Protein backbone atom coordinates (compact mmCIF):
# COMPACT_ATOMS: atom_id res chain seq x y z
CA UNK A 1 -17.34 64.82 -54.96
CA UNK A 2 -13.86 64.85 -53.47
CA UNK A 3 -13.90 66.50 -50.04
CA UNK A 4 -10.82 67.78 -48.25
CA UNK A 5 -11.20 68.58 -44.55
CA UNK A 6 -8.48 70.95 -43.40
CA UNK A 7 -7.75 69.99 -39.82
CA UNK A 8 -8.87 66.93 -37.89
CA UNK A 9 -9.43 68.54 -34.52
CA UNK A 10 -12.56 68.54 -32.42
CA UNK A 11 -14.76 70.17 -35.07
CA UNK A 12 -13.26 69.14 -38.40
CA UNK A 13 -12.53 65.65 -37.17
CA UNK A 14 -16.09 65.14 -36.00
CA UNK A 15 -17.84 66.38 -39.13
CA UNK A 16 -15.30 64.72 -41.41
CA UNK A 17 -15.85 61.42 -39.62
CA UNK A 18 -19.61 61.76 -40.01
CA UNK A 19 -19.20 62.39 -43.73
CA UNK A 20 -16.86 59.43 -44.09
CA UNK A 21 -19.30 57.13 -42.33
CA UNK A 22 -22.03 58.36 -44.67
CA UNK A 23 -19.99 57.17 -47.64
CA UNK A 24 -18.55 60.49 -48.80
CA UNK A 25 -15.09 60.65 -50.36
CA UNK A 26 -13.26 62.40 -47.51
CA UNK A 27 -9.58 63.17 -47.02
CA UNK A 28 -8.09 65.02 -44.06
CA UNK A 29 -5.29 67.55 -44.53
CA UNK A 30 -3.27 67.52 -41.32
CA UNK A 31 0.11 68.48 -39.97
CA UNK A 32 2.68 65.67 -39.54
CA UNK A 33 2.22 65.48 -35.76
CA UNK A 34 -1.54 65.05 -35.98
CA UNK A 35 -1.08 62.57 -38.82
CA UNK A 36 1.09 60.43 -36.56
CA UNK A 37 -1.55 60.33 -33.83
CA UNK A 38 -4.33 59.44 -36.25
CA UNK A 39 -2.31 56.72 -37.94
CA UNK A 40 -1.49 55.17 -34.60
CA UNK A 41 -4.88 55.45 -32.88
CA UNK A 42 -7.31 56.03 -35.72
CA UNK A 43 -9.86 58.84 -35.70
CA UNK A 44 -11.68 58.18 -32.45
CA UNK A 45 -14.91 59.80 -31.31
CA UNK A 46 -16.06 59.13 -27.76
CA UNK A 47 -18.57 60.56 -25.30
CA UNK A 48 -22.29 60.24 -24.75
CA UNK A 49 -21.80 56.54 -24.11
CA UNK A 50 -20.57 55.78 -27.62
CA UNK A 51 -17.26 55.20 -29.37
CA UNK A 52 -16.37 55.31 -33.06
CA UNK A 53 -12.98 54.40 -34.48
CA UNK A 54 -12.28 55.14 -38.15
CA UNK A 55 -9.26 54.81 -40.39
CA UNK A 56 -9.09 58.21 -42.10
CA UNK A 57 -7.46 59.01 -45.41
CA UNK A 58 -4.71 61.49 -44.54
CA UNK A 59 -2.57 63.98 -46.42
CA UNK A 60 0.04 66.49 -45.39
CA UNK A 61 0.55 69.65 -47.43
CA UNK A 62 3.47 68.12 -49.33
CA UNK A 63 1.30 65.17 -50.38
CA UNK A 64 -1.66 67.04 -51.92
CA UNK A 65 -2.64 65.12 -55.03
CA UNK A 66 -4.57 67.63 -57.12
CA UNK A 67 -7.66 69.78 -56.84
CA UNK A 68 -10.65 68.93 -54.66
CA UNK A 69 -14.29 69.76 -55.26
CA UNK A 70 -15.01 70.89 -51.70
CA UNK A 71 -12.58 72.15 -49.07
CA UNK A 72 -13.86 72.43 -45.51
CA UNK A 73 -11.57 74.65 -43.44
CA UNK A 74 -11.89 73.85 -39.76
CA UNK A 75 -8.85 75.11 -37.87
CA UNK A 76 -8.32 77.58 -35.06
CA UNK A 77 -8.23 81.13 -36.39
CA UNK A 78 -4.65 81.43 -35.18
CA UNK A 79 -3.67 78.62 -37.58
CA UNK A 80 -5.51 80.04 -40.60
CA UNK A 81 -2.57 81.75 -42.41
CA UNK A 82 -0.57 78.52 -42.40
CA UNK A 83 -3.65 76.50 -43.37
CA UNK A 84 -4.30 78.75 -46.39
CA UNK A 85 -0.75 78.17 -47.60
CA UNK A 86 -1.03 74.43 -46.98
CA UNK A 87 -4.32 73.98 -48.84
CA UNK A 88 -3.63 76.27 -51.80
CA UNK A 89 -2.50 73.43 -54.05
CA UNK A 90 -5.82 71.64 -53.50
CA UNK A 91 -7.93 74.62 -54.64
CA UNK A 92 -8.68 74.82 -58.35
CA UNK A 93 -11.03 76.92 -60.48
CA UNK A 94 -14.04 74.72 -59.59
CA UNK A 95 -13.26 74.22 -55.91
CA UNK A 96 -15.66 75.52 -53.28
CA UNK A 97 -14.13 76.56 -49.96
CA UNK A 98 -16.27 76.55 -46.82
CA UNK A 99 -14.68 77.88 -43.61
CA UNK A 100 -16.00 76.98 -40.18
CA UNK A 101 -14.16 79.53 -38.06
CA UNK A 102 -15.32 81.94 -35.40
CA UNK A 103 -15.82 85.64 -36.00
CA UNK A 104 -15.74 87.28 -39.42
CA UNK A 105 -12.14 88.29 -40.15
CA UNK A 106 -11.22 84.95 -41.72
CA UNK A 107 -13.42 85.69 -44.73
CA UNK A 108 -11.15 88.55 -45.78
CA UNK A 109 -8.08 86.32 -45.81
CA UNK A 110 -9.80 83.51 -47.71
CA UNK A 111 -11.45 85.89 -50.20
CA UNK A 112 -8.12 87.51 -50.96
CA UNK A 113 -6.51 84.16 -51.72
CA UNK A 114 -9.33 82.24 -53.42
CA UNK A 115 -11.98 84.79 -54.45
CA UNK A 116 -15.31 85.75 -52.90
CA UNK A 117 -17.36 83.56 -55.24
CA UNK A 118 -15.37 80.43 -54.40
CA UNK A 119 -15.60 80.98 -50.64
CA UNK A 120 -18.92 80.39 -48.90
CA UNK A 121 -19.83 81.54 -45.44
CA UNK A 122 -20.34 78.82 -42.87
CA UNK A 123 -21.49 78.30 -39.31
CA UNK A 124 -21.03 75.16 -37.26
CA UNK A 125 -22.50 74.36 -33.89
CA UNK A 126 -21.14 71.29 -32.18
CA UNK A 127 -20.15 70.36 -28.63
CA UNK A 128 -16.82 68.54 -28.93
CA UNK A 129 -13.32 68.76 -27.54
CA UNK A 130 -10.02 66.90 -27.82
CA UNK A 131 -8.75 64.85 -24.89
CA UNK A 132 -5.14 64.33 -23.85
CA UNK A 133 -4.73 61.42 -26.30
CA UNK A 134 -6.03 63.40 -29.26
CA UNK A 135 -9.43 61.70 -29.38
CA UNK A 136 -12.60 63.68 -30.07
CA UNK A 137 -15.00 63.77 -27.13
CA UNK A 138 -18.65 64.67 -27.71
CA UNK A 139 -20.02 66.82 -24.89
CA UNK A 140 -23.58 67.09 -26.21
CA UNK A 141 -25.85 66.06 -29.05
CA UNK A 142 -25.86 69.42 -30.88
CA UNK A 143 -24.32 69.09 -34.36
CA UNK A 144 -25.30 71.34 -37.25
CA UNK A 145 -23.87 73.18 -40.23
CA UNK A 146 -25.25 76.25 -42.00
CA UNK A 147 -23.82 77.43 -45.33
CA UNK A 148 -24.57 80.29 -47.67
CA UNK A 149 -23.18 82.45 -50.46
CA UNK A 150 -21.42 85.57 -49.26
CA UNK A 151 -23.30 87.66 -51.81
CA UNK A 152 -26.59 86.19 -50.54
CA UNK A 153 -29.44 84.61 -52.44
CA UNK A 154 -29.51 81.28 -54.30
CA UNK A 155 -26.30 79.74 -55.60
CA UNK A 156 -25.50 76.55 -57.46
CA UNK A 157 -22.35 76.16 -55.36
CA UNK A 158 -24.37 76.39 -52.18
CA UNK A 159 -26.93 73.83 -53.36
CA UNK A 160 -24.19 71.38 -54.35
CA UNK A 161 -22.47 71.77 -50.99
CA UNK A 162 -25.72 71.39 -49.06
CA UNK A 163 -26.54 68.23 -51.01
CA UNK A 164 -23.25 66.54 -50.18
CA UNK A 165 -23.39 67.60 -46.52
CA UNK A 166 -26.98 66.49 -45.99
CA UNK A 167 -27.91 63.07 -44.66
CA UNK A 168 -24.59 62.54 -42.92
CA UNK A 169 -25.67 62.33 -39.30
CA UNK A 170 -25.91 66.05 -38.54
CA UNK A 171 -28.27 68.87 -39.46
CA UNK A 172 -27.43 70.95 -42.53
CA UNK A 173 -29.19 74.11 -43.63
CA UNK A 174 -28.78 76.89 -46.20
CA UNK A 175 -29.00 80.53 -45.15
CA UNK A 176 -29.97 83.26 -47.63
CA UNK A 177 -28.04 85.70 -45.40
CA UNK A 178 -24.99 83.86 -44.13
CA UNK A 179 -23.32 86.99 -42.78
CA UNK A 180 -26.26 87.46 -40.45
CA UNK A 181 -26.02 83.84 -39.31
CA UNK A 182 -22.29 84.26 -38.66
CA UNK A 183 -22.88 87.44 -36.66
CA UNK A 184 -25.51 85.69 -34.59
CA UNK A 185 -23.09 82.91 -33.71
CA UNK A 186 -20.48 85.55 -32.90
CA UNK A 187 -22.85 87.10 -30.37
CA UNK A 188 -23.40 83.71 -28.75
CA UNK A 189 -19.77 82.58 -28.53
CA UNK A 190 -18.55 85.98 -27.34
CA UNK A 191 -21.23 86.06 -24.64
CA UNK A 192 -20.42 82.58 -23.37
CA UNK A 193 -16.66 83.05 -23.66
CA UNK A 194 -16.73 86.40 -21.86
CA UNK A 195 -18.90 85.03 -19.05
CA UNK A 196 -16.58 82.05 -18.52
CA UNK A 197 -13.49 84.24 -18.64
CA UNK A 198 -14.75 86.91 -16.28
CA UNK A 199 -16.00 84.49 -13.60
CA UNK A 200 -13.35 81.84 -14.27
CA UNK A 201 -15.98 79.15 -14.33
CA UNK A 202 -18.97 77.61 -16.05
CA UNK A 203 -22.41 79.08 -16.62
CA UNK A 204 -23.60 77.24 -13.51
CA UNK A 205 -20.74 78.66 -11.46
CA UNK A 206 -21.72 82.20 -12.44
CA UNK A 207 -25.41 81.70 -11.75
CA UNK A 208 -24.74 80.14 -8.35
CA UNK A 209 -23.51 83.39 -6.77
CA UNK A 210 -25.48 86.51 -5.89
CA UNK A 211 -26.09 88.73 -8.95
CA UNK A 212 -24.30 86.17 -11.12
CA UNK A 213 -27.38 85.60 -13.23
CA UNK A 214 -27.24 89.22 -14.41
CA UNK A 215 -23.77 89.05 -15.93
CA UNK A 216 -24.50 86.83 -18.94
CA UNK A 217 -27.47 88.89 -20.16
CA UNK A 218 -25.44 92.10 -19.73
CA UNK A 219 -22.67 90.69 -21.91
CA UNK A 220 -25.21 89.47 -24.46
CA UNK A 221 -26.71 92.96 -24.65
CA UNK A 222 -23.30 94.44 -25.47
CA UNK A 223 -22.55 91.88 -28.19
CA UNK A 224 -26.03 92.18 -29.67
CA UNK A 225 -25.68 95.97 -29.78
CA UNK A 226 -22.53 95.62 -31.88
CA UNK A 227 -24.26 93.21 -34.26
CA UNK A 228 -27.22 95.58 -34.60
CA UNK A 229 -24.96 98.56 -35.28
CA UNK A 230 -23.17 96.49 -37.94
CA UNK A 231 -26.51 95.86 -39.66
CA UNK A 232 -27.21 92.36 -38.35
CA UNK A 233 -29.64 92.69 -35.43
CA UNK A 234 -30.66 89.57 -33.55
CA UNK A 235 -34.37 88.77 -33.51
CA UNK A 236 -35.76 89.01 -30.00
CA UNK A 237 -36.27 85.25 -29.88
CA UNK A 238 -32.61 84.62 -30.74
CA UNK A 239 -31.41 87.08 -28.11
CA UNK A 240 -33.71 85.53 -25.53
CA UNK A 241 -32.22 82.14 -26.38
CA UNK A 242 -28.68 83.40 -25.73
CA UNK A 243 -29.78 84.93 -22.42
CA UNK A 244 -31.47 81.70 -21.39
CA UNK A 245 -28.36 79.67 -22.23
CA UNK A 246 -26.08 81.77 -20.02
CA UNK A 247 -28.45 81.79 -17.03
CA UNK A 248 -29.18 78.09 -16.63
CA UNK A 249 -28.66 76.98 -13.02
CA UNK A 250 -26.20 74.13 -12.71
CA UNK A 251 -25.09 74.32 -16.34
CA UNK A 252 -21.56 72.96 -16.88
CA UNK A 253 -21.24 74.77 -20.22
CA UNK A 254 -18.01 76.53 -21.13
CA UNK A 255 -16.73 77.94 -24.40
CA UNK A 256 -13.85 76.23 -26.20
CA UNK A 257 -11.89 79.49 -25.85
CA UNK A 258 -12.25 79.24 -22.07
CA UNK A 259 -11.13 75.62 -22.08
CA UNK A 260 -8.01 76.72 -23.99
CA UNK A 261 -7.49 79.51 -21.46
CA UNK A 262 -7.58 77.31 -18.36
CA UNK A 263 -5.51 74.69 -20.20
CA UNK A 264 -2.71 77.20 -20.68
CA UNK A 265 -3.10 77.18 -24.46
CA UNK A 266 -3.28 80.05 -26.98
CA UNK A 267 -6.82 81.32 -27.51
CA UNK A 268 -8.75 83.01 -30.30
CA UNK A 269 -8.72 86.20 -28.25
CA UNK A 270 -8.18 88.58 -31.14
CA UNK A 271 -10.47 86.82 -33.61
CA UNK A 272 -13.42 86.61 -31.21
CA UNK A 273 -12.94 89.59 -28.90
CA UNK A 274 -10.28 91.89 -30.29
CA UNK A 275 -12.05 92.18 -33.64
CA UNK A 276 -15.47 92.53 -32.02
CA UNK A 277 -14.43 95.32 -29.66
CA UNK A 278 -12.58 97.13 -32.45
CA UNK A 279 -15.77 97.09 -34.53
CA UNK A 280 -17.69 98.30 -31.49
CA UNK A 281 -15.38 101.31 -31.13
CA UNK A 282 -15.66 102.10 -34.83
CA UNK A 283 -19.45 101.95 -34.56
CA UNK A 284 -19.59 103.95 -31.34
CA UNK A 285 -21.00 101.10 -29.24
CA UNK A 286 -19.82 100.91 -25.60
CA UNK A 287 -18.73 97.40 -24.56
CA UNK A 288 -17.14 97.57 -21.08
CA UNK A 289 -17.57 93.87 -20.26
CA UNK A 290 -16.29 92.72 -23.64
CA UNK A 291 -13.39 95.16 -23.31
CA UNK A 292 -12.50 93.71 -19.90
CA UNK A 293 -12.57 90.21 -21.37
CA UNK A 294 -10.32 91.27 -24.24
CA UNK A 295 -7.73 92.75 -21.87
CA UNK A 296 -7.77 89.63 -19.66
CA UNK A 297 -7.22 87.37 -22.66
CA UNK A 298 -4.49 89.59 -24.09
CA UNK A 299 -2.68 89.35 -20.77
CA UNK A 300 -2.94 85.55 -20.99
CA UNK A 301 -1.51 85.62 -24.53
CA UNK A 302 1.33 87.91 -23.45
CA UNK A 303 2.26 85.60 -20.60
CA UNK A 304 2.39 82.66 -22.99
CA UNK A 305 4.76 84.58 -25.26
CA UNK A 306 6.94 85.57 -22.29
C-alpha cells in the first residue's frame, strides 16, 4: 500500500517515521521550505532519551507521481485549504483519506472535495512538538491513532487502513462511532487549551494557586455540555479522566495551541474554540469560560495580522 503523509510536522512526521521504520511504503508531501530542512538534516525524532534519524521520501505538490492508496492528512487546520489543493492529484477513486486534525469542521471541507465514503474520521493522541531546528521532540510516551467510517459500522476501507497502521510502534484502534471519538478529543483539547490560555501557564501553574484547581473542571463541564447537546455525551469515566488531567499538581502539560500562542505563532483558535462556541450558541449551551478563551485568542490573531 502506497501511503502519502501530508505534512511532516510534529504529528505527521512522527507517525510517518514510525510507519517508515516498520517497513511501510511512506512518502511525505511537504512544502519546499520543509523539504529543504528534511533533506539537509533528515527526519529527526528526539526526546525521552532517544534519537532517530531517517531519510524520508519527499514530494512537493508539483512532483506528485500518481494516486496513492492511503493519504494521511496531518496539518494545522489553518493550512487545510492549501493542503487539499496540494494533495488532490494524489487522490484517485480507490484512495482513502484519513485526516488527523482537531475539531470537526475539517470533515466538511474534505467530504466536499473527495466524498464522504473516501474520507474516514480519525483521532490522534501524541505528545510531540517541533524545536527551533525543525526536529520532532517527543514530550511523552502517548502515541495512538483511532480511525472509523463517518457513516459508522464496519467498513472494508477502515479494516484495510487499520491493518496497515497496526504494528508500527504506536497503538491503533477502530471506532464504530468515530464522530463520538472526535468529539471526546475536542472536549479534552479545548479544556486543556482554555486552561493554559486563561492562566497563561501549565496545568501545574494553574493548580498551584488558590482556587486554581477548580478552573479546569469548570471548563471541562462547559465543553462536555456542548458535546452532550450535540448528541455525543462523554461517559462519566471519560469526563473524570479529563478533570483529573487538568488538576494534576506539578504537571507541566500544555496544549499545542498554547505553545503556538506563547511562541507568537498563529493558532487554531477558530477551529478549536470559534467553532465550538458557535455550536454552543446554536444549541443553547452557555460557555462563558470557552467564550473568554475564544476572545483572547482572536485578539492574539488580530495582533498578528496587524
